[in-house]
N, C-alpha and C. Protein backbone atom coordinates (compact mmCIF):
# COMPACT_ATOMS: atom_id res chain seq x y z
N MET A 1 -21.82 1.44 -5.83
CA MET A 1 -20.90 2.32 -6.50
C MET A 1 -19.49 2.06 -5.99
N SER A 2 -18.53 2.14 -6.88
CA SER A 2 -17.13 1.92 -6.54
C SER A 2 -16.39 3.24 -6.42
N PHE A 3 -15.42 3.25 -5.54
CA PHE A 3 -14.55 4.40 -5.36
C PHE A 3 -13.12 3.93 -5.47
N TYR A 4 -12.25 4.79 -5.96
CA TYR A 4 -10.85 4.45 -6.14
C TYR A 4 -9.96 5.44 -5.42
N VAL A 5 -8.96 4.93 -4.76
CA VAL A 5 -7.86 5.75 -4.26
C VAL A 5 -6.75 5.55 -5.27
N TYR A 6 -6.13 6.63 -5.69
CA TYR A 6 -5.13 6.53 -6.74
C TYR A 6 -3.91 7.37 -6.40
N ILE A 7 -2.79 6.98 -7.00
CA ILE A 7 -1.58 7.78 -6.94
C ILE A 7 -1.17 8.05 -8.38
N ILE A 8 -0.93 9.32 -8.67
CA ILE A 8 -0.43 9.70 -9.98
C ILE A 8 0.96 10.30 -9.80
N LYS A 9 1.75 10.22 -10.85
CA LYS A 9 3.12 10.73 -10.82
C LYS A 9 3.35 11.54 -12.08
N THR A 10 4.17 12.58 -11.96
CA THR A 10 4.49 13.37 -13.14
C THR A 10 5.19 12.49 -14.17
N ALA A 11 4.83 12.69 -15.42
CA ALA A 11 5.41 11.89 -16.50
C ALA A 11 6.79 12.39 -16.89
N SER A 12 7.09 13.64 -16.56
CA SER A 12 8.39 14.24 -16.88
C SER A 12 9.48 13.66 -15.98
N SER A 13 10.63 13.41 -16.55
CA SER A 13 11.75 12.92 -15.74
C SER A 13 12.45 14.07 -15.01
N LYS A 14 12.17 15.31 -15.40
CA LYS A 14 12.80 16.46 -14.77
C LYS A 14 12.21 16.75 -13.39
N ILE A 15 10.91 16.55 -13.25
CA ILE A 15 10.21 16.82 -11.99
C ILE A 15 9.57 15.53 -11.52
N SER A 16 9.81 15.19 -10.26
CA SER A 16 9.22 13.97 -9.71
C SER A 16 8.28 14.33 -8.58
N LYS A 17 6.99 14.41 -8.90
CA LYS A 17 5.95 14.72 -7.92
C LYS A 17 4.93 13.60 -7.95
N THR A 18 4.33 13.34 -6.80
CA THR A 18 3.21 12.40 -6.75
C THR A 18 2.02 13.12 -6.12
N TYR A 19 0.84 12.59 -6.43
CA TYR A 19 -0.39 13.14 -5.88
C TYR A 19 -1.31 11.97 -5.54
N VAL A 20 -1.96 12.05 -4.40
CA VAL A 20 -2.90 11.03 -3.95
C VAL A 20 -4.30 11.62 -3.96
N GLY A 21 -5.26 10.86 -4.46
CA GLY A 21 -6.64 11.34 -4.47
C GLY A 21 -7.61 10.16 -4.46
N TYR A 22 -8.89 10.49 -4.43
CA TYR A 22 -9.93 9.46 -4.56
C TYR A 22 -11.00 9.97 -5.50
N THR A 23 -11.69 9.03 -6.13
CA THR A 23 -12.73 9.38 -7.10
C THR A 23 -13.64 8.19 -7.32
N ASN A 24 -14.76 8.45 -7.96
CA ASN A 24 -15.63 7.35 -8.38
C ASN A 24 -15.54 7.13 -9.89
N ASN A 25 -14.75 7.97 -10.59
CA ASN A 25 -14.55 7.83 -12.03
C ASN A 25 -13.08 8.11 -12.33
N LEU A 26 -12.28 7.06 -12.32
CA LEU A 26 -10.84 7.20 -12.41
C LEU A 26 -10.36 7.78 -13.74
N SER A 27 -10.93 7.31 -14.84
CA SER A 27 -10.47 7.81 -16.14
C SER A 27 -10.80 9.30 -16.31
N LYS A 28 -11.98 9.73 -15.87
CA LYS A 28 -12.35 11.14 -15.96
C LYS A 28 -11.45 11.99 -15.07
N ARG A 29 -11.15 11.49 -13.89
CA ARG A 29 -10.32 12.25 -12.95
C ARG A 29 -8.90 12.43 -13.48
N LEU A 30 -8.33 11.38 -14.07
CA LEU A 30 -6.99 11.49 -14.64
C LEU A 30 -7.00 12.48 -15.81
N LEU A 31 -8.04 12.43 -16.61
CA LEU A 31 -8.18 13.38 -17.71
C LEU A 31 -8.27 14.81 -17.17
N ASP A 32 -9.01 15.00 -16.09
CA ASP A 32 -9.11 16.33 -15.47
C ASP A 32 -7.73 16.82 -15.02
N HIS A 33 -6.97 15.95 -14.36
CA HIS A 33 -5.63 16.35 -13.92
C HIS A 33 -4.77 16.76 -15.11
N ASN A 34 -4.84 16.00 -16.19
CA ASN A 34 -3.99 16.27 -17.35
C ASN A 34 -4.47 17.45 -18.19
N ASN A 35 -5.69 17.91 -17.95
CA ASN A 35 -6.21 19.09 -18.65
C ASN A 35 -6.31 20.30 -17.73
N ASN A 36 -5.51 20.28 -16.67
CA ASN A 36 -5.42 21.39 -15.71
C ASN A 36 -6.74 21.72 -15.03
N ARG A 37 -7.60 20.73 -14.86
CA ARG A 37 -8.86 20.94 -14.15
C ARG A 37 -8.89 20.16 -12.83
N GLY A 38 -7.75 19.57 -12.47
CA GLY A 38 -7.67 18.80 -11.23
C GLY A 38 -7.32 19.69 -10.06
N ALA A 39 -6.77 19.08 -9.04
CA ALA A 39 -6.34 19.83 -7.86
C ALA A 39 -5.30 20.88 -8.24
N LYS A 40 -5.29 21.96 -7.50
CA LYS A 40 -4.40 23.07 -7.82
C LYS A 40 -2.93 22.63 -7.91
N SER A 41 -2.52 21.74 -7.02
CA SER A 41 -1.12 21.30 -7.00
C SER A 41 -0.75 20.42 -8.19
N THR A 42 -1.72 19.97 -8.96
CA THR A 42 -1.42 19.09 -10.10
C THR A 42 -1.40 19.84 -11.43
N ARG A 43 -1.73 21.10 -11.41
CA ARG A 43 -1.82 21.86 -12.65
C ARG A 43 -0.44 22.14 -13.24
N GLY A 44 -0.37 22.13 -14.57
CA GLY A 44 0.87 22.44 -15.26
C GLY A 44 1.77 21.25 -15.51
N HIS A 45 1.31 20.05 -15.18
CA HIS A 45 2.10 18.84 -15.39
C HIS A 45 1.26 17.80 -16.11
N PHE A 46 1.94 16.87 -16.78
CA PHE A 46 1.25 15.71 -17.34
C PHE A 46 1.45 14.56 -16.36
N TRP A 47 0.38 13.83 -16.07
CA TRP A 47 0.39 12.81 -15.02
C TRP A 47 0.14 11.42 -15.58
N LYS A 48 0.73 10.42 -14.93
CA LYS A 48 0.44 9.03 -15.27
C LYS A 48 0.01 8.31 -13.99
N LEU A 49 -0.89 7.38 -14.15
CA LEU A 49 -1.41 6.60 -13.03
C LEU A 49 -0.39 5.54 -12.65
N ILE A 50 -0.01 5.49 -11.37
CA ILE A 50 0.95 4.47 -10.95
C ILE A 50 0.37 3.51 -9.91
N PHE A 51 -0.80 3.85 -9.33
CA PHE A 51 -1.42 2.98 -8.34
C PHE A 51 -2.91 3.27 -8.27
N LYS A 52 -3.69 2.22 -8.09
CA LYS A 52 -5.12 2.39 -7.81
C LYS A 52 -5.59 1.26 -6.90
N LYS A 53 -6.56 1.56 -6.06
CA LYS A 53 -7.17 0.57 -5.18
C LYS A 53 -8.66 0.83 -5.14
N LYS A 54 -9.44 -0.21 -5.31
CA LYS A 54 -10.89 -0.10 -5.40
C LYS A 54 -11.53 -0.31 -4.02
N PHE A 55 -12.53 0.53 -3.72
CA PHE A 55 -13.31 0.43 -2.49
C PHE A 55 -14.79 0.47 -2.85
N TYR A 56 -15.60 -0.16 -2.03
CA TYR A 56 -17.05 -0.13 -2.23
C TYR A 56 -17.73 0.83 -1.26
N SER A 57 -16.93 1.49 -0.44
CA SER A 57 -17.44 2.46 0.52
C SER A 57 -16.66 3.77 0.36
N LYS A 58 -17.38 4.86 0.23
CA LYS A 58 -16.74 6.16 0.09
C LYS A 58 -15.92 6.50 1.33
N SER A 59 -16.45 6.18 2.50
CA SER A 59 -15.74 6.51 3.74
C SER A 59 -14.44 5.72 3.86
N LYS A 60 -14.43 4.46 3.42
CA LYS A 60 -13.18 3.67 3.47
C LYS A 60 -12.17 4.21 2.47
N ALA A 61 -12.63 4.62 1.31
CA ALA A 61 -11.73 5.21 0.31
C ALA A 61 -11.13 6.51 0.85
N MET A 62 -11.95 7.34 1.44
CA MET A 62 -11.47 8.61 1.99
C MET A 62 -10.49 8.38 3.13
N SER A 63 -10.75 7.39 3.94
CA SER A 63 -9.86 7.07 5.05
C SER A 63 -8.49 6.60 4.55
N TYR A 64 -8.49 5.74 3.53
CA TYR A 64 -7.23 5.24 2.96
C TYR A 64 -6.47 6.38 2.27
N GLU A 65 -7.19 7.24 1.57
CA GLU A 65 -6.57 8.40 0.92
C GLU A 65 -5.89 9.27 1.98
N TYR A 66 -6.56 9.52 3.08
CA TYR A 66 -6.01 10.34 4.16
C TYR A 66 -4.73 9.72 4.70
N LYS A 67 -4.74 8.38 4.89
CA LYS A 67 -3.55 7.70 5.39
C LYS A 67 -2.38 7.85 4.43
N LEU A 68 -2.64 7.67 3.13
CA LEU A 68 -1.57 7.80 2.14
C LEU A 68 -1.04 9.23 2.08
N LYS A 69 -1.91 10.20 2.24
CA LYS A 69 -1.47 11.60 2.18
C LYS A 69 -0.63 11.98 3.40
N LYS A 70 -0.96 11.46 4.55
CA LYS A 70 -0.29 11.85 5.78
C LYS A 70 0.95 11.00 6.09
N ASP A 71 0.97 9.76 5.66
CA ASP A 71 2.07 8.85 5.98
C ASP A 71 2.97 8.68 4.77
N LYS A 72 4.06 9.45 4.72
CA LYS A 72 4.97 9.42 3.57
C LYS A 72 5.62 8.05 3.41
N PHE A 73 5.89 7.35 4.51
CA PHE A 73 6.46 6.02 4.43
C PHE A 73 5.49 5.06 3.74
N LEU A 74 4.22 5.10 4.13
CA LEU A 74 3.21 4.25 3.52
C LEU A 74 3.06 4.57 2.03
N ARG A 75 3.12 5.85 1.68
CA ARG A 75 3.01 6.25 0.28
C ARG A 75 4.19 5.67 -0.52
N LYS A 76 5.41 5.83 0.00
CA LYS A 76 6.60 5.30 -0.69
C LYS A 76 6.52 3.78 -0.81
N TYR A 77 6.10 3.13 0.27
CA TYR A 77 5.97 1.68 0.26
C TYR A 77 4.96 1.24 -0.79
N THR A 78 3.82 1.90 -0.86
CA THR A 78 2.78 1.58 -1.82
C THR A 78 3.27 1.78 -3.25
N ILE A 79 3.99 2.86 -3.49
CA ILE A 79 4.54 3.13 -4.83
C ILE A 79 5.54 2.04 -5.21
N ASN A 80 6.42 1.67 -4.28
CA ASN A 80 7.40 0.63 -4.57
C ASN A 80 6.74 -0.72 -4.80
N GLN A 81 5.70 -1.03 -4.04
CA GLN A 81 4.98 -2.29 -4.24
C GLN A 81 4.31 -2.32 -5.60
N SER A 82 3.76 -1.18 -6.03
CA SER A 82 3.08 -1.14 -7.33
C SER A 82 4.08 -1.28 -8.47
N LYS A 83 5.33 -0.84 -8.27
CA LYS A 83 6.37 -1.03 -9.28
C LYS A 83 6.73 -2.51 -9.44
N ASN A 84 6.66 -3.24 -8.32
CA ASN A 84 7.08 -4.63 -8.33
C ASN A 84 5.99 -5.60 -8.78
N THR A 85 4.78 -5.12 -8.92
CA THR A 85 3.70 -5.97 -9.40
C THR A 85 3.27 -5.55 -10.78
N ASN A 86 2.80 -6.47 -11.55
CA ASN A 86 2.37 -6.17 -12.91
C ASN A 86 0.88 -5.88 -12.88
N LEU A 87 0.52 -4.63 -12.64
CA LEU A 87 -0.88 -4.24 -12.54
C LEU A 87 -1.36 -3.63 -13.85
N ASN A 88 -2.58 -3.91 -14.20
CA ASN A 88 -3.20 -3.25 -15.35
C ASN A 88 -3.85 -1.98 -14.83
N LEU A 89 -3.19 -0.85 -15.01
CA LEU A 89 -3.65 0.40 -14.42
C LEU A 89 -4.55 1.20 -15.34
N GLU A 90 -4.60 0.92 -16.59
CA GLU A 90 -5.41 1.71 -17.51
C GLU A 90 -6.83 1.21 -17.55
């Protein structure tokens, strides 16, 4: 089974928020966030996927998610790197 660590960003230009999470079903999870069924902090906004990374171990995915959530520099660096690469995120 595959697990994904992802970063989503608000689609609105008025508010700039990011959220880091992990899941085993990325498309369902993004749909949940956009239908106000995701994490409490993501409700009320429309989100777009800006980064994803695939893991084959749940514990490794959770560990990487924790690092991205706690290390703001790493999160910013990862977001900037994803902007500079042409990734197929959908």
